[in-house]
């Protein structure tokens, strides 16, 4: 088979996969990013609500999202999608990758705005207060749940939606709205970052 024939065969396969919703691209990963960012925001707001009895809108941005969770989740999907059945490996790679990301983001935020949005100095086995053992273990569990359980379900849901015209248009509109809101939030926060003040109950 010539190179041209293989190229055409590859294009045909991609087009068939795209029609069936099996080519996971922009309209899969954008909603996934926002879903994970929102889940991370809920998680951290819930921790403060239980621990301190106050609602805290965490992060630099003003909206209900923490992009570090979205970026970390997307990173894990690309790193670990071949290993959905290798749960121990997924756990340890998730620990390492997310801890490295958290350390890097903590450093960059502090260099940019001169503020630490989190500090684990009092936690067991912390590294410069930027990451700690408990946080790394939780990242491992979160990555394991995401890659081994949530992503297969979300792919199935995406395929079902993409096969329907209303589903495709709904996903496209959702992506557009979320990206516009996120861009506006990020532009505002570049000059007026959110400082994570809480509301007591």
N, C-alpha and C. Protein backbone atom coordinates (compact mmCIF):
# COMPACT_ATOMS: atom_id res chain seq x y z
N UNK A 1 0.85 -1.20 0.00
CA UNK A 1 0.00 0.00 0.00
C UNK A 1 0.88 1.25 0.00
N UNK A 2 0.58 2.19 -0.90
CA UNK A 2 1.39 3.39 -1.01
C UNK A 2 1.12 4.34 0.15
N UNK A 3 2.00 5.35 0.29
CA UNK A 3 1.83 6.36 1.35
C UNK A 3 0.52 7.11 1.16
N UNK A 4 0.18 7.41 -0.13
CA UNK A 4 -1.06 8.13 -0.41
C UNK A 4 -2.28 7.33 0.03
N UNK A 5 -2.24 6.00 -0.26
CA UNK A 5 -3.36 5.12 0.13
C UNK A 5 -3.51 5.06 1.64
N UNK A 6 -2.37 4.95 2.33
CA UNK A 6 -2.42 4.91 3.80
C UNK A 6 -2.95 6.22 4.36
N UNK A 7 -2.56 7.33 3.76
CA UNK A 7 -3.04 8.64 4.21
C UNK A 7 -4.55 8.76 4.03
N UNK A 8 -5.03 8.33 2.86
CA UNK A 8 -6.48 8.38 2.60
C UNK A 8 -7.24 7.46 3.55
N UNK A 9 -6.67 6.27 3.80
CA UNK A 9 -7.32 5.34 4.72
C UNK A 9 -7.38 5.93 6.13
N UNK A 10 -6.29 6.60 6.52
CA UNK A 10 -6.26 7.25 7.84
C UNK A 10 -7.28 8.37 7.94
N UNK A 11 -7.43 9.16 6.87
CA UNK A 11 -8.43 10.24 6.86
C UNK A 11 -9.84 9.67 6.96
N UNK A 12 -10.10 8.60 6.19
CA UNK A 12 -11.43 7.98 6.23
C UNK A 12 -11.75 7.46 7.63
N UNK A 13 -10.76 6.82 8.27
CA UNK A 13 -10.96 6.29 9.62
C UNK A 13 -11.25 7.43 10.59
N UNK A 14 -10.49 8.53 10.47
CA UNK A 14 -10.70 9.67 11.36
C UNK A 14 -12.10 10.26 11.18
N UNK A 15 -12.54 10.40 9.92
CA UNK A 15 -13.87 10.96 9.65
C UNK A 15 -14.97 10.07 10.21
N UNK A 16 -14.79 8.74 10.08
CA UNK A 16 -15.78 7.82 10.66
C UNK A 16 -15.79 7.93 12.18
N UNK A 17 -14.61 8.02 12.78
CA UNK A 17 -14.52 8.16 14.23
C UNK A 17 -15.14 9.48 14.68
N UNK A 18 -14.93 10.53 13.91
CA UNK A 18 -15.48 11.83 14.28
C UNK A 18 -17.00 11.82 14.23
N UNK A 19 -17.56 11.19 13.19
CA UNK A 19 -19.02 11.09 13.09
C UNK A 19 -19.60 10.31 14.26
N UNK A 20 -18.90 9.29 14.72
CA UNK A 20 -19.39 8.45 15.81
C UNK A 20 -19.01 8.99 17.18
N UNK A 21 -18.30 10.13 17.21
CA UNK A 21 -17.90 10.70 18.49
C UNK A 21 -16.73 9.99 19.14
N UNK A 22 -15.94 9.25 18.34
CA UNK A 22 -14.81 8.51 18.90
C UNK A 22 -13.48 9.24 18.70
N UNK A 23 -13.50 10.38 18.02
CA UNK A 23 -12.31 11.22 17.89
C UNK A 23 -12.44 12.33 18.93
N UNK A 24 -11.70 12.19 20.02
CA UNK A 24 -11.86 13.09 21.15
C UNK A 24 -10.96 14.30 20.95
N UNK A 25 -11.58 15.43 20.68
CA UNK A 25 -10.82 16.64 20.41
C UNK A 25 -11.31 17.81 21.24
N UNK A 26 -11.32 18.98 20.62
CA UNK A 26 -11.62 20.25 21.27
C UNK A 26 -12.91 20.19 22.09
N UNK A 27 -13.98 19.66 21.49
CA UNK A 27 -15.29 19.71 22.14
C UNK A 27 -15.47 18.61 23.21
N UNK A 28 -14.46 17.79 23.37
CA UNK A 28 -14.43 16.88 24.51
C UNK A 28 -13.58 17.47 25.64
N UNK A 29 -12.41 18.01 25.27
CA UNK A 29 -11.46 18.44 26.30
C UNK A 29 -11.82 19.79 26.94
N UNK A 30 -12.46 20.68 26.20
CA UNK A 30 -12.85 21.96 26.81
C UNK A 30 -13.89 21.76 27.91
N UNK A 31 -15.01 21.05 27.66
CA UNK A 31 -15.94 20.80 28.77
C UNK A 31 -15.29 20.00 29.91
N UNK A 32 -14.38 19.08 29.57
CA UNK A 32 -13.70 18.32 30.61
C UNK A 32 -12.86 19.24 31.49
N UNK A 33 -12.14 20.19 30.87
CA UNK A 33 -11.35 21.15 31.64
C UNK A 33 -12.22 21.92 32.62
N UNK A 34 -13.36 22.42 32.16
CA UNK A 34 -14.22 23.20 33.04
C UNK A 34 -14.90 22.33 34.09
N UNK A 35 -15.25 21.11 33.74
CA UNK A 35 -15.85 20.20 34.71
C UNK A 35 -14.88 19.92 35.86
N UNK A 36 -13.62 19.65 35.52
CA UNK A 36 -12.61 19.37 36.54
C UNK A 36 -12.25 20.62 37.34
N UNK A 37 -12.21 21.77 36.67
CA UNK A 37 -11.93 23.03 37.37
C UNK A 37 -13.04 23.36 38.38
N UNK A 38 -14.28 23.10 37.99
CA UNK A 38 -15.42 23.33 38.89
C UNK A 38 -15.41 22.32 40.04
N UNK A 39 -15.10 21.06 39.74
CA UNK A 39 -15.03 20.03 40.78
C UNK A 39 -13.94 20.39 41.80
N UNK A 40 -12.81 20.89 41.33
CA UNK A 40 -11.75 21.31 42.24
C UNK A 40 -12.17 22.49 43.11
N UNK A 41 -12.90 23.42 42.51
CA UNK A 41 -13.41 24.57 43.27
C UNK A 41 -14.38 24.10 44.35
N UNK A 42 -15.29 23.18 44.01
CA UNK A 42 -16.21 22.63 45.00
C UNK A 42 -15.47 21.90 46.12
N UNK A 43 -14.46 21.13 45.75
CA UNK A 43 -13.68 20.38 46.72
C UNK A 43 -13.03 21.31 47.73
N UNK A 44 -12.36 22.35 47.25
CA UNK A 44 -11.64 23.24 48.16
C UNK A 44 -12.60 24.11 48.97
N UNK A 45 -13.67 24.58 48.35
CA UNK A 45 -14.67 25.34 49.10
C UNK A 45 -15.29 24.46 50.19
N UNK A 46 -15.53 23.19 49.87
CA UNK A 46 -16.09 22.26 50.84
C UNK A 46 -15.16 22.02 52.02
N UNK A 47 -13.87 21.90 51.74
CA UNK A 47 -12.88 21.71 52.82
C UNK A 47 -12.94 22.87 53.80
N UNK A 48 -12.92 24.10 53.30
CA UNK A 48 -12.95 25.27 54.18
C UNK A 48 -14.27 25.38 54.92
N UNK A 49 -15.36 24.99 54.25
CA UNK A 49 -16.67 25.07 54.89
C UNK A 49 -16.75 24.11 56.08
N UNK A 50 -16.24 22.89 55.90
CA UNK A 50 -16.26 21.89 56.97
C UNK A 50 -15.25 22.25 58.07
N UNK A 51 -14.04 22.65 57.65
CA UNK A 51 -12.96 22.86 58.61
C UNK A 51 -13.12 24.15 59.41
N UNK A 52 -13.46 25.25 58.72
CA UNK A 52 -13.48 26.56 59.37
C UNK A 52 -14.87 27.17 59.49
N UNK A 53 -15.88 26.51 58.92
CA UNK A 53 -17.23 27.04 58.99
C UNK A 53 -17.43 28.30 58.17
N UNK A 54 -16.66 28.45 57.11
CA UNK A 54 -16.83 29.61 56.23
C UNK A 54 -16.67 29.21 54.78
N UNK A 55 -17.40 29.93 53.91
CA UNK A 55 -17.28 29.70 52.47
C UNK A 55 -16.13 30.53 51.95
N UNK A 56 -15.20 29.89 51.26
CA UNK A 56 -14.05 30.59 50.69
C UNK A 56 -14.01 30.32 49.20
N UNK A 57 -14.07 31.40 48.41
CA UNK A 57 -13.92 31.28 46.96
C UNK A 57 -12.43 31.23 46.67
N UNK A 58 -11.90 30.04 46.46
CA UNK A 58 -10.45 29.84 46.35
C UNK A 58 -9.93 30.23 44.98
N UNK A 59 -8.66 30.57 44.95
CA UNK A 59 -7.98 30.79 43.68
C UNK A 59 -7.83 32.25 43.31
N UNK A 60 -7.12 32.47 42.22
CA UNK A 60 -6.83 33.81 41.70
C UNK A 60 -8.04 34.39 40.97
N UNK A 61 -8.80 33.51 40.32
CA UNK A 61 -9.94 33.96 39.51
C UNK A 61 -11.18 34.15 40.38
N UNK A 62 -12.18 34.81 39.82
CA UNK A 62 -13.39 35.13 40.57
C UNK A 62 -14.50 34.11 40.35
N UNK A 63 -14.47 33.42 39.23
CA UNK A 63 -15.53 32.46 38.91
C UNK A 63 -15.38 31.16 39.67
N UNK A 64 -16.38 30.28 39.57
CA UNK A 64 -16.36 29.00 40.30
C UNK A 64 -15.52 27.95 39.59
N UNK A 65 -14.23 28.24 39.48
CA UNK A 65 -13.33 27.28 38.83
C UNK A 65 -11.91 27.49 39.33
N UNK A 66 -11.18 26.40 39.44
CA UNK A 66 -9.76 26.41 39.77
C UNK A 66 -9.02 25.73 38.63
N UNK A 67 -8.44 26.53 37.73
CA UNK A 67 -7.83 25.95 36.51
C UNK A 67 -6.74 24.93 36.78
N UNK A 68 -6.10 24.98 37.95
CA UNK A 68 -5.04 24.00 38.23
C UNK A 68 -5.60 22.58 38.20
N UNK A 69 -6.86 22.41 38.64
CA UNK A 69 -7.48 21.09 38.60
C UNK A 69 -7.80 20.68 37.16
N UNK A 70 -8.29 21.63 36.37
CA UNK A 70 -8.57 21.34 34.97
C UNK A 70 -7.31 20.98 34.21
N UNK A 71 -6.24 21.76 34.41
CA UNK A 71 -4.97 21.49 33.73
C UNK A 71 -4.38 20.15 34.18
N UNK A 72 -4.43 19.91 35.51
CA UNK A 72 -3.90 18.65 36.02
C UNK A 72 -4.66 17.45 35.49
N UNK A 73 -5.99 17.57 35.43
CA UNK A 73 -6.80 16.47 34.91
C UNK A 73 -6.54 16.18 33.45
N UNK A 74 -6.45 17.24 32.63
CA UNK A 74 -6.15 17.06 31.20
C UNK A 74 -4.77 16.45 31.02
N UNK A 75 -3.80 16.92 31.81
CA UNK A 75 -2.45 16.35 31.76
C UNK A 75 -2.49 14.85 32.04
N UNK A 76 -3.25 14.47 33.06
CA UNK A 76 -3.34 13.04 33.40
C UNK A 76 -4.00 12.23 32.29
N UNK A 77 -5.03 12.79 31.68
CA UNK A 77 -5.71 12.07 30.59
C UNK A 77 -4.73 11.76 29.47
N UNK A 78 -3.91 12.75 29.10
CA UNK A 78 -2.95 12.53 28.01
C UNK A 78 -1.82 11.59 28.43
N UNK A 79 -1.38 11.70 29.69
CA UNK A 79 -0.30 10.84 30.16
C UNK A 79 -0.72 9.40 30.36
N UNK A 80 -1.95 9.20 30.84
CA UNK A 80 -2.34 7.90 31.36
C UNK A 80 -3.44 7.18 30.60
N UNK A 81 -3.89 7.74 29.48
CA UNK A 81 -5.04 7.13 28.79
C UNK A 81 -4.75 5.70 28.31
N UNK A 82 -3.49 5.35 28.13
CA UNK A 82 -3.14 3.98 27.71
C UNK A 82 -3.20 2.99 28.87
N UNK A 83 -3.26 3.52 30.11
CA UNK A 83 -3.11 2.67 31.29
C UNK A 83 -4.38 2.64 32.14
N UNK A 84 -5.55 2.78 31.53
CA UNK A 84 -6.79 2.80 32.30
C UNK A 84 -6.97 1.52 33.12
N UNK A 85 -6.40 0.42 32.69
CA UNK A 85 -6.54 -0.85 33.40
C UNK A 85 -5.40 -1.09 34.39
N UNK A 86 -4.40 -0.23 34.41
CA UNK A 86 -3.25 -0.42 35.31
C UNK A 86 -3.37 0.57 36.46
N UNK A 87 -4.20 0.21 37.41
CA UNK A 87 -4.63 1.16 38.41
C UNK A 87 -3.53 1.60 39.37
N UNK A 88 -2.62 0.72 39.72
CA UNK A 88 -1.52 1.09 40.62
C UNK A 88 -0.60 2.11 39.94
N UNK A 89 -0.29 1.87 38.68
CA UNK A 89 0.55 2.81 37.94
C UNK A 89 -0.13 4.17 37.82
N UNK A 90 -1.42 4.16 37.54
CA UNK A 90 -2.18 5.41 37.43
C UNK A 90 -2.11 6.18 38.74
N UNK A 91 -2.24 5.50 39.87
CA UNK A 91 -2.19 6.14 41.18
C UNK A 91 -0.86 6.86 41.38
N UNK A 92 0.25 6.17 41.18
CA UNK A 92 1.56 6.75 41.48
C UNK A 92 1.97 7.83 40.47
N UNK A 93 1.65 7.65 39.20
CA UNK A 93 1.96 8.70 38.23
C UNK A 93 1.11 9.94 38.51
N UNK A 94 -0.15 9.75 38.91
CA UNK A 94 -1.01 10.88 39.27
C UNK A 94 -0.43 11.65 40.45
N UNK A 95 0.04 10.91 41.46
CA UNK A 95 0.69 11.55 42.61
C UNK A 95 1.85 12.45 42.17
N UNK A 96 2.73 11.87 41.36
CA UNK A 96 3.95 12.58 40.96
C UNK A 96 3.64 13.77 40.05
N UNK A 97 2.81 13.55 39.03
CA UNK A 97 2.54 14.60 38.05
C UNK A 97 1.79 15.77 38.68
N UNK A 98 0.77 15.48 39.49
CA UNK A 98 -0.02 16.56 40.08
C UNK A 98 0.75 17.31 41.15
N UNK A 99 1.60 16.61 41.89
CA UNK A 99 2.44 17.29 42.89
C UNK A 99 3.43 18.23 42.22
N UNK A 100 4.01 17.77 41.11
CA UNK A 100 4.93 18.64 40.37
C UNK A 100 4.20 19.87 39.83
N UNK A 101 2.99 19.66 39.32
CA UNK A 101 2.20 20.79 38.81
C UNK A 101 1.85 21.75 39.93
N UNK A 102 1.42 21.23 41.09
CA UNK A 102 1.07 22.10 42.21
C UNK A 102 2.26 22.91 42.68
N UNK A 103 3.43 22.29 42.75
CA UNK A 103 4.65 23.00 43.15
C UNK A 103 4.96 24.13 42.18
N UNK A 104 4.91 23.81 40.88
CA UNK A 104 5.24 24.82 39.85
C UNK A 104 4.26 25.98 39.88
N UNK A 105 2.96 25.68 40.02
CA UNK A 105 1.95 26.75 40.04
C UNK A 105 2.10 27.61 41.28
N UNK A 106 2.38 27.00 42.44
CA UNK A 106 2.60 27.76 43.66
C UNK A 106 3.77 28.73 43.49
N UNK A 107 4.83 28.24 42.90
CA UNK A 107 6.01 29.08 42.67
C UNK A 107 5.70 30.24 41.73
N UNK A 108 5.01 29.94 40.62
CA UNK A 108 4.69 30.98 39.63
C UNK A 108 3.74 32.03 40.19
N UNK A 109 2.71 31.60 40.94
CA UNK A 109 1.78 32.56 41.53
C UNK A 109 2.48 33.48 42.51
N UNK A 110 3.38 32.90 43.31
CA UNK A 110 4.10 33.73 44.28
C UNK A 110 5.04 34.71 43.59
N UNK A 111 5.68 34.27 42.52
CA UNK A 111 6.58 35.17 41.78
C UNK A 111 5.79 36.27 41.07
N UNK A 112 4.57 35.95 40.62
CA UNK A 112 3.77 36.93 39.86
C UNK A 112 3.12 37.96 40.75
N UNK A 113 2.47 37.51 41.84
CA UNK A 113 1.70 38.42 42.69
C UNK A 113 2.27 38.60 44.09
N UNK A 114 3.32 37.86 44.43
CA UNK A 114 3.93 38.01 45.74
C UNK A 114 3.08 37.46 46.88
N UNK A 115 2.17 36.54 46.56
CA UNK A 115 1.26 35.99 47.57
C UNK A 115 1.24 34.47 47.42
N UNK A 116 1.13 33.78 48.54
CA UNK A 116 0.92 32.33 48.51
C UNK A 116 -0.55 32.04 48.73
N UNK A 117 -1.18 31.36 47.76
CA UNK A 117 -2.59 31.01 47.90
C UNK A 117 -2.77 29.76 48.76
N UNK A 118 -1.72 28.99 48.97
CA UNK A 118 -1.76 27.86 49.91
C UNK A 118 -0.37 27.68 50.51
N UNK A 119 -0.36 27.14 51.72
CA UNK A 119 0.90 26.93 52.45
C UNK A 119 0.75 25.69 53.33
N UNK A 120 1.54 24.66 53.02
CA UNK A 120 1.49 23.40 53.77
C UNK A 120 2.62 23.30 54.80
N UNK A 121 3.14 24.42 55.25
CA UNK A 121 4.31 24.39 56.14
C UNK A 121 4.07 23.57 57.40
N UNK A 122 2.83 23.53 57.89
CA UNK A 122 2.54 22.76 59.11
C UNK A 122 2.21 21.31 58.85
N UNK A 123 2.20 20.88 57.59
CA UNK A 123 1.80 19.52 57.25
C UNK A 123 3.00 18.57 57.23
N UNK A 124 2.74 17.29 57.48
CA UNK A 124 3.77 16.26 57.50
C UNK A 124 4.38 16.08 56.10
N UNK A 125 5.70 16.03 56.05
CA UNK A 125 6.45 15.81 54.81
C UNK A 125 6.06 16.80 53.72
N UNK A 126 6.19 18.09 54.05
CA UNK A 126 5.94 19.12 53.03
C UNK A 126 7.27 19.52 52.39
N UNK A 127 7.18 20.07 51.19
CA UNK A 127 8.36 20.56 50.47
C UNK A 127 8.20 22.06 50.30
N UNK A 128 8.89 22.81 51.12
CA UNK A 128 8.83 24.28 51.05
C UNK A 128 7.45 24.85 51.28
N UNK A 129 6.57 24.06 51.88
CA UNK A 129 5.20 24.53 52.10
C UNK A 129 4.34 24.52 50.84
N UNK A 130 4.92 24.11 49.72
CA UNK A 130 4.19 24.16 48.44
C UNK A 130 3.41 22.87 48.16
N UNK A 131 3.97 21.74 48.58
CA UNK A 131 3.28 20.45 48.44
C UNK A 131 3.50 19.66 49.72
N UNK A 132 2.66 18.65 49.96
CA UNK A 132 2.83 17.81 51.14
C UNK A 132 2.37 16.40 50.82
N UNK A 133 2.71 15.47 51.72
CA UNK A 133 2.40 14.06 51.47
C UNK A 133 0.90 13.81 51.36
N UNK A 134 0.11 14.37 52.28
CA UNK A 134 -1.33 14.13 52.24
C UNK A 134 -1.93 14.63 50.92
N UNK A 135 -1.53 15.84 50.51
CA UNK A 135 -2.03 16.37 49.24
C UNK A 135 -1.66 15.48 48.08
N UNK A 136 -0.41 14.97 48.08
CA UNK A 136 0.03 14.09 46.99
C UNK A 136 -0.77 12.80 46.95
N UNK A 137 -1.05 12.24 48.14
CA UNK A 137 -1.87 11.02 48.20
C UNK A 137 -3.27 11.27 47.67
N UNK A 138 -3.84 12.42 48.02
CA UNK A 138 -5.18 12.77 47.51
C UNK A 138 -5.15 12.95 45.99
N UNK A 139 -4.07 13.54 45.47
CA UNK A 139 -3.94 13.64 44.01
C UNK A 139 -3.89 12.26 43.37
N UNK A 140 -3.19 11.32 44.02
CA UNK A 140 -3.14 9.97 43.50
C UNK A 140 -4.51 9.32 43.44
N UNK A 141 -5.28 9.47 44.51
CA UNK A 141 -6.64 8.92 44.54
C UNK A 141 -7.52 9.59 43.49
N UNK A 142 -7.43 10.93 43.42
CA UNK A 142 -8.23 11.67 42.43
C UNK A 142 -7.90 11.26 41.00
N UNK A 143 -6.61 11.12 40.70
CA UNK A 143 -6.20 10.69 39.36
C UNK A 143 -6.66 9.29 39.05
N UNK A 144 -6.58 8.41 40.02
CA UNK A 144 -7.06 7.03 39.85
C UNK A 144 -8.56 7.00 39.54
N UNK A 145 -9.35 7.75 40.31
CA UNK A 145 -10.79 7.80 40.07
C UNK A 145 -11.10 8.41 38.70
N UNK A 146 -10.36 9.46 38.35
CA UNK A 146 -10.59 10.13 37.07
C UNK A 146 -10.29 9.21 35.88
N UNK A 147 -9.09 8.65 35.86
CA UNK A 147 -8.64 7.89 34.69
C UNK A 147 -9.33 6.53 34.58
N UNK A 148 -9.48 5.86 35.71
CA UNK A 148 -9.99 4.48 35.67
C UNK A 148 -11.50 4.39 35.66
N UNK A 149 -12.19 5.43 36.13
CA UNK A 149 -13.64 5.35 36.24
C UNK A 149 -14.38 6.49 35.54
N UNK A 150 -13.98 7.75 35.81
CA UNK A 150 -14.74 8.88 35.27
C UNK A 150 -14.56 9.04 33.77
N UNK A 151 -13.32 8.96 33.28
CA UNK A 151 -13.06 9.21 31.86
C UNK A 151 -13.77 8.20 30.95
N UNK A 152 -13.73 6.91 31.23
CA UNK A 152 -14.50 5.98 30.37
C UNK A 152 -15.98 6.33 30.31
N UNK A 153 -16.56 6.73 31.45
CA UNK A 153 -17.98 7.11 31.46
C UNK A 153 -18.20 8.40 30.67
N UNK A 154 -17.31 9.39 30.84
CA UNK A 154 -17.47 10.67 30.13
C UNK A 154 -17.29 10.49 28.63
N UNK A 155 -16.42 9.59 28.21
CA UNK A 155 -16.27 9.31 26.78
C UNK A 155 -17.55 8.70 26.21
N UNK A 156 -18.15 7.79 26.95
CA UNK A 156 -19.40 7.19 26.50
C UNK A 156 -20.50 8.25 26.38
N UNK A 157 -20.57 9.14 27.37
CA UNK A 157 -21.57 10.22 27.34
C UNK A 157 -21.32 11.15 26.16
N UNK A 158 -20.05 11.48 25.92
CA UNK A 158 -19.70 12.35 24.80
C UNK A 158 -20.10 11.72 23.47
N UNK A 159 -19.85 10.42 23.30
CA UNK A 159 -20.21 9.74 22.05
C UNK A 159 -21.72 9.82 21.80
N UNK A 160 -22.49 9.60 22.86
CA UNK A 160 -23.94 9.65 22.71
C UNK A 160 -24.41 11.05 22.32
N UNK A 161 -23.83 12.07 22.93
CA UNK A 161 -24.21 13.45 22.62
C UNK A 161 -23.79 13.84 21.21
N UNK A 162 -22.57 13.45 20.83
CA UNK A 162 -22.02 13.89 19.55
C UNK A 162 -22.77 13.30 18.36
N UNK A 163 -23.38 12.14 18.52
CA UNK A 163 -24.12 11.51 17.43
C UNK A 163 -25.41 12.24 17.11
N UNK A 164 -25.89 13.06 18.04
CA UNK A 164 -27.12 13.82 17.84
C UNK A 164 -26.78 15.25 17.46
N UNK A 165 -27.49 15.80 16.49
CA UNK A 165 -27.22 17.17 16.06
C UNK A 165 -27.41 18.16 17.21
N UNK A 166 -28.47 17.97 18.00
CA UNK A 166 -28.68 18.86 19.15
C UNK A 166 -27.56 18.74 20.16
N UNK A 167 -27.06 17.53 20.34
CA UNK A 167 -25.96 17.31 21.27
C UNK A 167 -24.70 18.02 20.82
N UNK A 168 -24.37 17.92 19.52
CA UNK A 168 -23.18 18.60 18.99
C UNK A 168 -23.30 20.11 19.16
N UNK A 169 -24.46 20.66 18.77
CA UNK A 169 -24.64 22.11 18.87
C UNK A 169 -24.62 22.57 20.33
N UNK A 170 -25.19 21.74 21.21
CA UNK A 170 -25.17 22.08 22.63
C UNK A 170 -23.75 22.12 23.18
N UNK A 171 -22.93 21.14 22.80
CA UNK A 171 -21.53 21.13 23.23
C UNK A 171 -20.77 22.33 22.69
N UNK A 172 -20.99 22.65 21.43
CA UNK A 172 -20.29 23.78 20.82
C UNK A 172 -20.67 25.11 21.49
N UNK A 173 -21.96 25.29 21.74
CA UNK A 173 -22.41 26.52 22.40
C UNK A 173 -21.87 26.60 23.83
N UNK A 174 -21.90 25.48 24.53
CA UNK A 174 -21.38 25.45 25.90
C UNK A 174 -19.90 25.82 25.94
N UNK A 175 -19.13 25.28 25.01
CA UNK A 175 -17.69 25.61 24.95
C UNK A 175 -17.48 27.10 24.70
N UNK A 176 -18.24 27.66 23.77
CA UNK A 176 -18.09 29.09 23.44
C UNK A 176 -18.40 29.96 24.66
N UNK A 177 -19.51 29.70 25.32
CA UNK A 177 -19.91 30.50 26.48
C UNK A 177 -18.88 30.39 27.61
N UNK A 178 -18.46 29.16 27.90
CA UNK A 178 -17.50 28.96 28.99
C UNK A 178 -16.16 29.63 28.70
N UNK A 179 -15.69 29.53 27.46
CA UNK A 179 -14.42 30.16 27.11
C UNK A 179 -14.49 31.68 27.19
N UNK A 180 -15.61 32.26 26.76
CA UNK A 180 -15.77 33.72 26.85
C UNK A 180 -15.79 34.18 28.31
N UNK A 181 -16.55 33.47 29.14
CA UNK A 181 -16.60 33.82 30.56
C UNK A 181 -15.24 33.67 31.23
N UNK A 182 -14.54 32.60 30.89
CA UNK A 182 -13.23 32.35 31.48
C UNK A 182 -12.22 33.41 31.04
N UNK A 183 -12.25 33.78 29.76
CA UNK A 183 -11.34 34.80 29.26
C UNK A 183 -11.58 36.14 29.95
N UNK A 184 -12.86 36.50 30.13
CA UNK A 184 -13.18 37.75 30.82
C UNK A 184 -12.70 37.71 32.27
N UNK A 185 -12.92 36.59 32.93
CA UNK A 185 -12.48 36.43 34.31
C UNK A 185 -10.96 36.54 34.41
N UNK A 186 -10.25 35.86 33.52
CA UNK A 186 -8.79 35.88 33.55
C UNK A 186 -8.25 37.28 33.26
N UNK A 187 -8.87 38.00 32.33
CA UNK A 187 -8.42 39.36 32.01
C UNK A 187 -8.61 40.28 33.22
N UNK A 188 -9.75 40.13 33.91
CA UNK A 188 -10.01 40.96 35.09
C UNK A 188 -9.03 40.60 36.22
N UNK A 189 -8.82 39.32 36.43
CA UNK A 189 -7.96 38.86 37.52
C UNK A 189 -6.49 39.19 37.28
N UNK A 190 -6.10 39.42 36.03
CA UNK A 190 -4.72 39.81 35.76
C UNK A 190 -4.37 41.12 36.46
N UNK A 191 -5.34 42.03 36.57
CA UNK A 191 -5.13 43.30 37.27
C UNK A 191 -5.67 43.28 38.69
N UNK A 192 -6.75 42.52 38.91
CA UNK A 192 -7.41 42.49 40.21
C UNK A 192 -7.61 41.04 40.66
N UNK A 193 -6.52 40.36 41.06
CA UNK A 193 -6.65 38.95 41.43
C UNK A 193 -7.51 38.77 42.68
N UNK A 194 -8.24 37.66 42.69
CA UNK A 194 -9.05 37.33 43.86
C UNK A 194 -8.14 36.83 44.97
N UNK A 195 -8.39 37.28 46.20
CA UNK A 195 -7.48 36.96 47.31
C UNK A 195 -8.04 35.88 48.24
N UNK A 196 -9.15 35.25 47.88
CA UNK A 196 -9.63 34.11 48.63
C UNK A 196 -10.21 34.44 50.00
N UNK A 197 -10.88 35.59 50.15
CA UNK A 197 -11.48 35.92 51.44
C UNK A 197 -12.76 35.11 51.64
N UNK A 198 -13.02 34.77 52.88
CA UNK A 198 -14.13 33.89 53.20
C UNK A 198 -15.34 34.62 53.73
N UNK A 199 -16.47 33.90 53.72
CA UNK A 199 -17.73 34.39 54.31
C UNK A 199 -18.10 33.43 55.44
N UNK A 200 -18.09 33.90 56.68
CA UNK A 200 -18.34 33.03 57.83
C UNK A 200 -19.82 32.69 57.96
N UNK A 201 -20.09 31.49 58.52
CA UNK A 201 -21.47 31.04 58.76
C UNK A 201 -21.65 30.82 60.25
